[in-house]
Amino acid sequence: MSGVWHRFIEFGEPVKTVEQAAKKVQVEKIAKSIVMVDSNDAPLLAIIPAQSKVSHKKLKQLLAVKDVRLASPEEVLTHSGYPAGGVSPFNNIQRALLDSKLLASETVIVGGGDIDKLMELRTKDILEFLNPQIADITK
């Protein structure tokens, strides 16, 4: 990523849970990039604190759609260009929502594009490059 400060954190093995990631990094800094699909079959990216769960109810209200659901692993790859479990916030999905709680940290640790890699970024760079809608989207 040209011109954006970042640091890759390699694990050497798949990191599928927050608990596994917490062995190497501060869990409070981890943000999950969750690929979802709305009732119009449009993809969206929900970026939330790792220890939180996305609120389907809040997303439906915010987006004014009938429903939202988690994307299947195949849809994750198709829409984002990354495998499930390795989704970077910088991907092919145009519509991003960022949970407002993440604004409290100067840096966040996100998916690094593969299931064995994380990446630390400045929160302000995520805001600048993604221009996400900022809202409370967790339970």
C-alpha atoms as a PDB file:
ATOM      1  CA  MET A   1       0.000   0.000   0.000  1.00  0.00           C
ATOM      2  CA  SER A   2       1.832   2.973  -1.320  1.00  0.00           C
ATOM      3  CA  GLY A   3       2.024   6.056   0.871  1.00  0.00           C
ATOM      4  CA  VAL A   4       0.137   4.567   3.814  1.00  0.00           C
ATOM      5  CA  TRP A   5       1.976   3.609   7.005  1.00  0.00           C
ATOM      6  CA  HIS A   6       1.328  -0.038   7.805  1.00  0.00           C
ATOM      7  CA  ARG A   7       2.976  -2.959   9.528  1.00  0.00           C
ATOM      8  CA  PHE A   8       2.315  -6.594   8.671  1.00  0.00           C
ATOM      9  CA  ILE A   9       2.118  -9.073  11.531  1.00  0.00           C
ATOM     10  CA  GLU A  10       2.877 -12.592  10.298  1.00  0.00           C
ATOM     11  CA  PHE A  11       1.689 -15.624  12.237  1.00  0.00           C
ATOM     12  CA  GLY A  12       3.021 -18.528  10.161  1.00  0.00           C
ATOM     13  CA  GLU A  13      -0.263 -20.368  10.705  1.00  0.00           C
ATOM     14  CA  PRO A  14      -3.939 -19.564  10.108  1.00  0.00           C
ATOM     15  CA  VAL A  15      -5.421 -17.060  12.568  1.00  0.00           C
ATOM     16  CA  LYS A  16      -9.119 -17.860  12.706  1.00  0.00           C
ATOM     17  CA  THR A  17     -10.083 -16.480  16.092  1.00  0.00           C
ATOM     18  CA  VAL A  18      -9.569 -13.340  18.128  1.00  0.00           C
ATOM     19  CA  GLU A  19      -8.002 -15.528  20.824  1.00  0.00           C
ATOM     20  CA  GLN A  20      -5.321 -16.724  18.390  1.00  0.00           C
ATOM     21  CA  ALA A  21      -4.578 -13.146  17.263  1.00  0.00           C
ATOM     22  CA  ALA A  22      -4.438 -11.953  20.887  1.00  0.00           C
ATOM     23  CA  LYS A  23      -1.348 -14.121  21.438  1.00  0.00           C
ATOM     24  CA  LYS A  24       0.680 -11.613  19.374  1.00  0.00           C
ATOM     25  CA  VAL A  25      -1.241  -8.331  19.446  1.00  0.00           C
ATOM     26  CA  GLN A  26      -3.400  -6.253  21.791  1.00  0.00           C
ATOM     27  CA  VAL A  27      -6.934  -7.548  21.372  1.00  0.00           C
ATOM     28  CA  GLU A  28      -8.349  -4.057  21.998  1.00  0.00           C
ATOM     29  CA  LYS A  29      -6.689  -2.847  18.778  1.00  0.00           C
ATOM     30  CA  ILE A  30      -8.058  -5.614  16.534  1.00  0.00           C
ATOM     31  CA  ALA A  31     -10.871  -4.782  14.120  1.00  0.00           C
ATOM     32  CA  LYS A  32     -12.787  -7.368  12.109  1.00  0.00           C
ATOM     33  CA  SER A  33     -13.728  -6.654   8.484  1.00  0.00           C
ATOM     34  CA  ILE A  34     -16.986  -8.549   7.997  1.00  0.00           C
ATOM     35  CA  VAL A  35     -18.450  -9.001   4.526  1.00  0.00           C
ATOM     36  CA  MET A  36     -22.234  -8.885   4.550  1.00  0.00           C
ATOM     37  CA  VAL A  37     -24.967  -8.889   1.917  1.00  0.00           C
ATOM     38  CA  ASP A  38     -28.180  -6.879   2.146  1.00  0.00           C
ATOM     39  CA  SER A  39     -31.668  -7.850   0.953  1.00  0.00           C
ATOM     40  CA  ASN A  40     -30.885  -6.236  -2.433  1.00  0.00           C
ATOM     41  CA  ASP A  41     -27.926  -8.653  -2.850  1.00  0.00           C
ATOM     42  CA  ALA A  42     -25.523  -5.722  -2.459  1.00  0.00           C
ATOM     43  CA  PRO A  43     -22.312  -6.375  -0.505  1.00  0.00           C
ATOM     44  CA  LEU A  44     -21.160  -4.208   2.372  1.00  0.00           C
ATOM     45  CA  LEU A  45     -18.192  -4.218   4.686  1.00  0.00           C
ATOM     46  CA  ALA A  46     -18.750  -3.828   8.423  1.00  0.00           C
ATOM     47  CA  ILE A  47     -15.572  -2.939  10.332  1.00  0.00           C
ATOM     48  CA  ILE A  48     -16.051  -3.529  14.052  1.00  0.00           C
ATOM     49  CA  PRO A  49     -13.991  -4.129  17.205  1.00  0.00           C
ATOM     50  CA  ALA A  50     -12.845  -7.761  17.316  1.00  0.00           C
ATOM     51  CA  GLN A  51     -14.577  -8.569  20.591  1.00  0.00           C
ATOM     52  CA  SER A  52     -17.921  -7.199  19.385  1.00  0.00           C
ATOM     53  CA  LYS A  53     -20.704  -8.696  17.302  1.00  0.00           C
ATOM     54  CA  VAL A  54     -22.302  -6.854  14.418  1.00  0.00           C
ATOM     55  CA  SER A  55     -25.913  -5.823  15.032  1.00  0.00           C
ATOM     56  CA  HIS A  56     -28.077  -6.923  12.118  1.00  0.00           C
ATOM     57  CA  LYS A  57     -30.906  -4.812  13.512  1.00  0.00           C
ATOM     58  CA  LYS A  58     -28.823  -1.607  13.582  1.00  0.00           C
ATOM     59  CA  LEU A  59     -27.481  -2.263  10.072  1.00  0.00           C
ATOM     60  CA  LYS A  60     -30.978  -2.837   8.672  1.00  0.00           C
ATOM     61  CA  GLN A  61     -32.197   0.430  10.190  1.00  0.00           C
ATOM     62  CA  LEU A  62     -29.125   2.379   9.081  1.00  0.00           C
ATOM     63  CA  LEU A  63     -29.232   1.081   5.511  1.00  0.00           C
ATOM     64  CA  ALA A  64     -33.039   1.038   5.245  1.00  0.00           C
ATOM     65  CA  VAL A  65     -33.084  -2.545   3.950  1.00  0.00           C
ATOM     66  CA  LYS A  66     -35.288  -5.523   4.832  1.00  0.00           C
ATOM     67  CA  ASP A  67     -32.423  -7.753   5.861  1.00  0.00           C
ATOM     68  CA  VAL A  68     -28.648  -8.209   6.102  1.00  0.00           C
ATOM     69  CA  ARG A  69     -26.740 -11.451   6.433  1.00  0.00           C
ATOM     70  CA  LEU A  70     -23.195 -12.700   6.638  1.00  0.00           C
ATOM     71  CA  ALA A  71     -21.727 -13.459   3.227  1.00  0.00           C
ATOM     72  CA  SER A  72     -20.850 -17.087   2.478  1.00  0.00           C
ATOM     73  CA  PRO A  73     -17.135 -17.896   2.065  1.00  0.00           C
ATOM     74  CA  GLU A  74     -17.652 -17.907  -1.715  1.00  0.00           C
ATOM     75  CA  GLU A  75     -19.373 -14.505  -1.605  1.00  0.00           C
ATOM     76  CA  VAL A  76     -16.602 -13.104   0.617  1.00  0.00           C
ATOM     77  CA  LEU A  77     -14.004 -14.040  -2.001  1.00  0.00           C
ATOM     78  CA  THR A  78     -16.151 -12.850  -4.928  1.00  0.00           C
ATOM     79  CA  HIS A  79     -17.071  -9.489  -3.407  1.00  0.00           C
ATOM     80  CA  SER A  80     -13.870  -8.587  -1.522  1.00  0.00           C
ATOM     81  CA  GLY A  81     -11.187 -10.430  -3.471  1.00  0.00           C
ATOM     82  CA  TYR A  82      -9.915 -11.985  -0.225  1.00  0.00           C
ATOM     83  CA  PRO A  83     -10.541 -15.345   1.451  1.00  0.00           C
ATOM     84  CA  ALA A  84     -12.882 -15.448   4.444  1.00  0.00           C
ATOM     85  CA  GLY A  85     -10.774 -14.861   7.548  1.00  0.00           C
ATOM     86  CA  GLY A  86      -8.220 -12.719   5.708  1.00  0.00           C
ATOM     87  CA  VAL A  87     -10.309  -9.779   4.507  1.00  0.00           C
ATOM     88  CA  SER A  88      -8.491  -6.467   4.496  1.00  0.00           C
ATOM     89  CA  PRO A  89     -10.577  -3.301   4.809  1.00  0.00           C
ATOM     90  CA  PHE A  90      -8.983  -2.223   1.512  1.00  0.00           C
ATOM     91  CA  ASN A  91     -10.836  -4.465  -0.919  1.00  0.00           C
ATOM     92  CA  ASN A  92     -13.296  -4.443  -3.824  1.00  0.00           C
ATOM     93  CA  ILE A  93     -16.386  -3.584  -1.735  1.00  0.00           C
ATOM     94  CA  GLN A  94     -17.434   0.036  -2.245  1.00  0.00           C
ATOM     95  CA  ARG A  95     -19.808   0.403   0.741  1.00  0.00           C
ATOM     96  CA  ALA A  96     -18.100   0.358   4.144  1.00  0.00           C
ATOM     97  CA  LEU A  97     -19.405   1.022   7.642  1.00  0.00           C
ATOM     98  CA  LEU A  98     -17.039   1.595  10.550  1.00  0.00           C
ATOM     99  CA  ASP A  99     -18.145   1.176  14.135  1.00  0.00           C
ATOM    100  CA  SER A 100     -17.681   4.455  15.981  1.00  0.00           C
ATOM    101  CA  LYS A 101     -15.861   2.716  18.882  1.00  0.00           C
ATOM    102  CA  LEU A 102     -12.843   2.222  16.604  1.00  0.00           C
ATOM    103  CA  LEU A 103     -12.273   5.980  16.412  1.00  0.00           C
ATOM    104  CA  ALA A 104     -10.841   5.873  19.950  1.00  0.00           C
ATOM    105  CA  SER A 105      -7.619   4.187  18.739  1.00  0.00           C
ATOM    106  CA  GLU A 106      -4.874   5.879  16.746  1.00  0.00           C
ATOM    107  CA  THR A 107      -4.088   2.557  15.065  1.00  0.00           C
ATOM    108  CA  VAL A 108      -6.090  -0.599  14.445  1.00  0.00           C
ATOM    109  CA  ILE A 109      -5.050  -4.113  13.516  1.00  0.00           C
ATOM    110  CA  VAL A 110      -7.015  -5.570  10.622  1.00  0.00           C
ATOM    111  CA  GLY A 111      -6.971  -8.520   8.251  1.00  0.00           C
ATOM    112  CA  GLY A 112      -3.824  -8.517   6.159  1.00  0.00           C
ATOM    113  CA  GLY A 113      -5.167 -10.182   3.040  1.00  0.00           C
ATOM    114  CA  ASP A 114      -4.499 -13.770   4.077  1.00  0.00           C
ATOM    115  CA  ILE A 115      -5.586 -15.990   6.965  1.00  0.00           C
ATOM    116  CA  ASP A 116      -2.107 -16.003   8.531  1.00  0.00           C
ATOM    117  CA  LYS A 117      -1.440 -12.266   8.359  1.00  0.00           C
ATOM    118  CA  LEU A 118      -2.696  -9.152  10.125  1.00  0.00           C
ATOM    119  CA  MET A 119      -1.867  -5.536   9.376  1.00  0.00           C
ATOM    120  CA  GLU A 120      -1.639  -2.505  11.648  1.00  0.00           C
ATOM    121  CA  LEU A 121      -2.841   0.782  10.138  1.00  0.00           C
ATOM    122  CA  ARG A 122      -3.604   4.296  11.270  1.00  0.00           C
ATOM    123  CA  THR A 123      -7.322   4.731  11.846  1.00  0.00           C
ATOM    124  CA  LYS A 124      -7.206   8.074  10.006  1.00  0.00           C
ATOM    125  CA  ASP A 125      -5.945   6.301   6.853  1.00  0.00           C
ATOM    126  CA  ILE A 126      -8.894   3.910   6.916  1.00  0.00           C
ATOM    127  CA  LEU A 127     -11.192   6.927   7.195  1.00  0.00           C
ATOM    128  CA  GLU A 128      -9.428   8.772   4.384  1.00  0.00           C
ATOM    129  CA  PHE A 129      -9.231   5.907   1.904  1.00  0.00           C
ATOM    130  CA  LEU A 130     -12.512   4.102   2.582  1.00  0.00           C
ATOM    131  CA  ASN A 131     -14.671   7.083   3.529  1.00  0.00           C
ATOM    132  CA  PRO A 132     -16.841   4.700   5.548  1.00  0.00           C
ATOM    133  CA  GLN A 133     -20.163   5.564   7.086  1.00  0.00           C
ATOM    134  CA  ILE A 134     -19.438   5.874  10.819  1.00  0.00           C
ATOM    135  CA  ALA A 135     -22.100   4.583  13.199  1.00  0.00           C
ATOM    136  CA  ASP A 136     -22.749   2.370  16.193  1.00  0.00           C
ATOM    137  CA  ILE A 137     -23.230  -0.973  14.415  1.00  0.00           C
ATOM    138  CA  THR A 138     -22.485  -3.467  17.200  1.00  0.00           C
ATOM    139  CA  LYS A 139     -24.640  -5.236  19.772  1.00  0.00           C
END
